[in-house]
Amino acid sequence: MPPGADGDRTRQRIAITALQEYRAEGALAVQVLAEFANVLLRKRLPLGTVRSDVGILEKTWKIVAPDAGIVSLALMGVEAYHMSFWDAMLWATAK
C-alpha cells in the first residue's frame, strides 16, 4: 500500500459519511458535476460509466445552476476575499 493510503481511506470514509448524513440539506453546483465528469473522462473510464455516475449524482442531489446574480457575487468574492474566479463561483453558488 502506498504511503498515506490508510489516511486517504480514512478521510474518504469520513467524507462519504458526512455526505450521506447531510445529503438532504446539500446541493451540487453544475460546475462541480461537470468537473467530476471531466475527471472521470481523464481517467479514461468508459463513457457509459461516466454517464451512469453523473446520473446517480443528478438523482441524489439538488443541482444548482449559476445565474447572472451568482456571477456578480463571485466577482465580489474575487475582490473582497482574493479568490480565484472559479473558486469564487463555487462560493457564490453555495451562498
Protein backbone atom coordinates (compact mmCIF):
# COMPACT_ATOMS: atom_id res chain seq x y z
CA MET A 1 0.00 0.00 0.00
CA PRO A 2 1.46 3.44 -0.91
CA PRO A 3 2.45 5.81 1.89
CA GLY A 4 -0.51 7.77 3.18
CA ALA A 5 -3.07 5.36 1.68
CA ASP A 6 -4.53 4.46 5.09
CA GLY A 7 -5.01 8.16 5.91
CA ASP A 8 -6.57 8.73 2.49
CA ARG A 9 -9.01 5.88 3.02
CA THR A 10 -9.94 7.22 6.45
CA ARG A 11 -10.60 10.70 5.02
CA GLN A 12 -12.66 9.13 2.22
CA ARG A 13 -14.82 7.24 4.73
CA ILE A 14 -15.33 10.40 6.81
CA ALA A 15 -16.29 12.38 3.68
CA ILE A 16 -18.71 9.71 2.46
CA THR A 17 -20.37 9.52 5.89
CA ALA A 18 -20.76 13.31 6.03
CA LEU A 19 -22.18 13.43 2.50
CA GLN A 20 -24.72 10.74 3.31
CA GLU A 21 -25.70 12.47 6.56
CA TYR A 22 -26.23 15.93 5.04
CA ARG A 23 -27.44 14.96 1.56
CA ALA A 24 -30.98 16.20 2.20
CA GLU A 25 -29.63 19.68 3.03
CA GLY A 26 -26.94 19.83 0.37
CA ALA A 27 -26.67 20.64 -3.29
CA LEU A 28 -24.12 20.32 -6.09
CA ALA A 29 -23.15 23.17 -8.35
CA VAL A 30 -23.27 22.38 -12.07
CA GLN A 31 -19.57 23.32 -12.09
CA VAL A 32 -18.81 20.51 -9.60
CA LEU A 33 -20.84 17.99 -11.60
CA ALA A 34 -19.01 18.98 -14.79
CA GLU A 35 -15.60 18.75 -13.15
CA PHE A 36 -16.47 15.34 -11.72
CA ALA A 37 -17.39 14.10 -15.22
CA ASN A 38 -14.20 15.61 -16.63
CA VAL A 39 -12.02 13.85 -14.02
CA LEU A 40 -13.65 10.50 -14.78
CA LEU A 41 -13.12 11.02 -18.51
CA ARG A 42 -9.45 11.96 -17.95
CA LYS A 43 -9.08 8.71 -16.01
CA ARG A 44 -10.35 7.03 -19.19
CA LEU A 45 -13.44 5.50 -17.62
CA PRO A 46 -15.93 4.27 -20.20
CA LEU A 47 -18.40 6.93 -21.29
CA GLY A 48 -21.30 4.76 -20.15
CA THR A 49 -19.81 4.59 -16.63
CA VAL A 50 -19.35 8.36 -16.55
CA ARG A 51 -22.95 8.90 -17.70
CA SER A 52 -24.20 6.48 -15.06
CA ASP A 53 -22.18 8.07 -12.25
CA VAL A 54 -23.28 11.58 -13.25
CA GLY A 55 -26.87 10.35 -13.47
CA ILE A 56 -26.68 8.95 -9.94
CA LEU A 57 -25.48 12.33 -8.65
CA GLU A 58 -28.27 14.10 -10.58
CA LYS A 59 -30.88 11.85 -8.97
CA THR A 60 -29.34 12.02 -5.50
CA TRP A 61 -28.52 15.72 -5.14
CA LYS A 62 -30.20 19.01 -5.87
CA ILE A 63 -28.23 20.56 -8.77
CA VAL A 64 -27.73 24.33 -8.62
CA ALA A 65 -27.04 26.26 -11.84
CA PRO A 66 -25.34 29.67 -11.74
CA ASP A 67 -27.11 32.76 -12.99
CA ALA A 68 -26.06 36.37 -13.52
CA GLY A 69 -26.51 37.15 -9.83
CA ILE A 70 -24.10 34.37 -8.88
CA VAL A 71 -21.52 35.73 -11.33
CA SER A 72 -21.85 39.18 -9.75
CA LEU A 73 -21.50 37.72 -6.26
CA ALA A 74 -18.46 35.72 -7.41
CA LEU A 75 -16.82 38.91 -8.67
CA MET A 76 -17.40 40.42 -5.24
CA GLY A 77 -15.71 37.37 -3.71
CA VAL A 78 -12.73 37.80 -6.02
CA GLU A 79 -12.36 41.40 -4.87
CA ALA A 80 -13.15 41.00 -1.18
CA TYR A 81 -11.51 37.65 -0.44
CA HIS A 82 -8.89 37.43 -3.22
CA MET A 83 -10.32 34.15 -4.51
CA SER A 84 -9.72 32.78 -7.96
CA PHE A 85 -12.76 33.34 -10.16
CA TRP A 86 -13.77 29.66 -10.32
CA ASP A 87 -13.39 29.22 -6.56
CA ALA A 88 -15.48 32.36 -6.12
CA MET A 89 -18.16 30.89 -8.42
CA LEU A 90 -18.41 27.83 -6.14
CA TRP A 91 -18.50 30.08 -3.08
CA ALA A 92 -21.20 32.29 -4.59
CA THR A 93 -23.28 29.30 -5.69
CA ALA A 94 -23.09 27.88 -2.16
CA LYS A 95 -24.33 31.13 -0.62
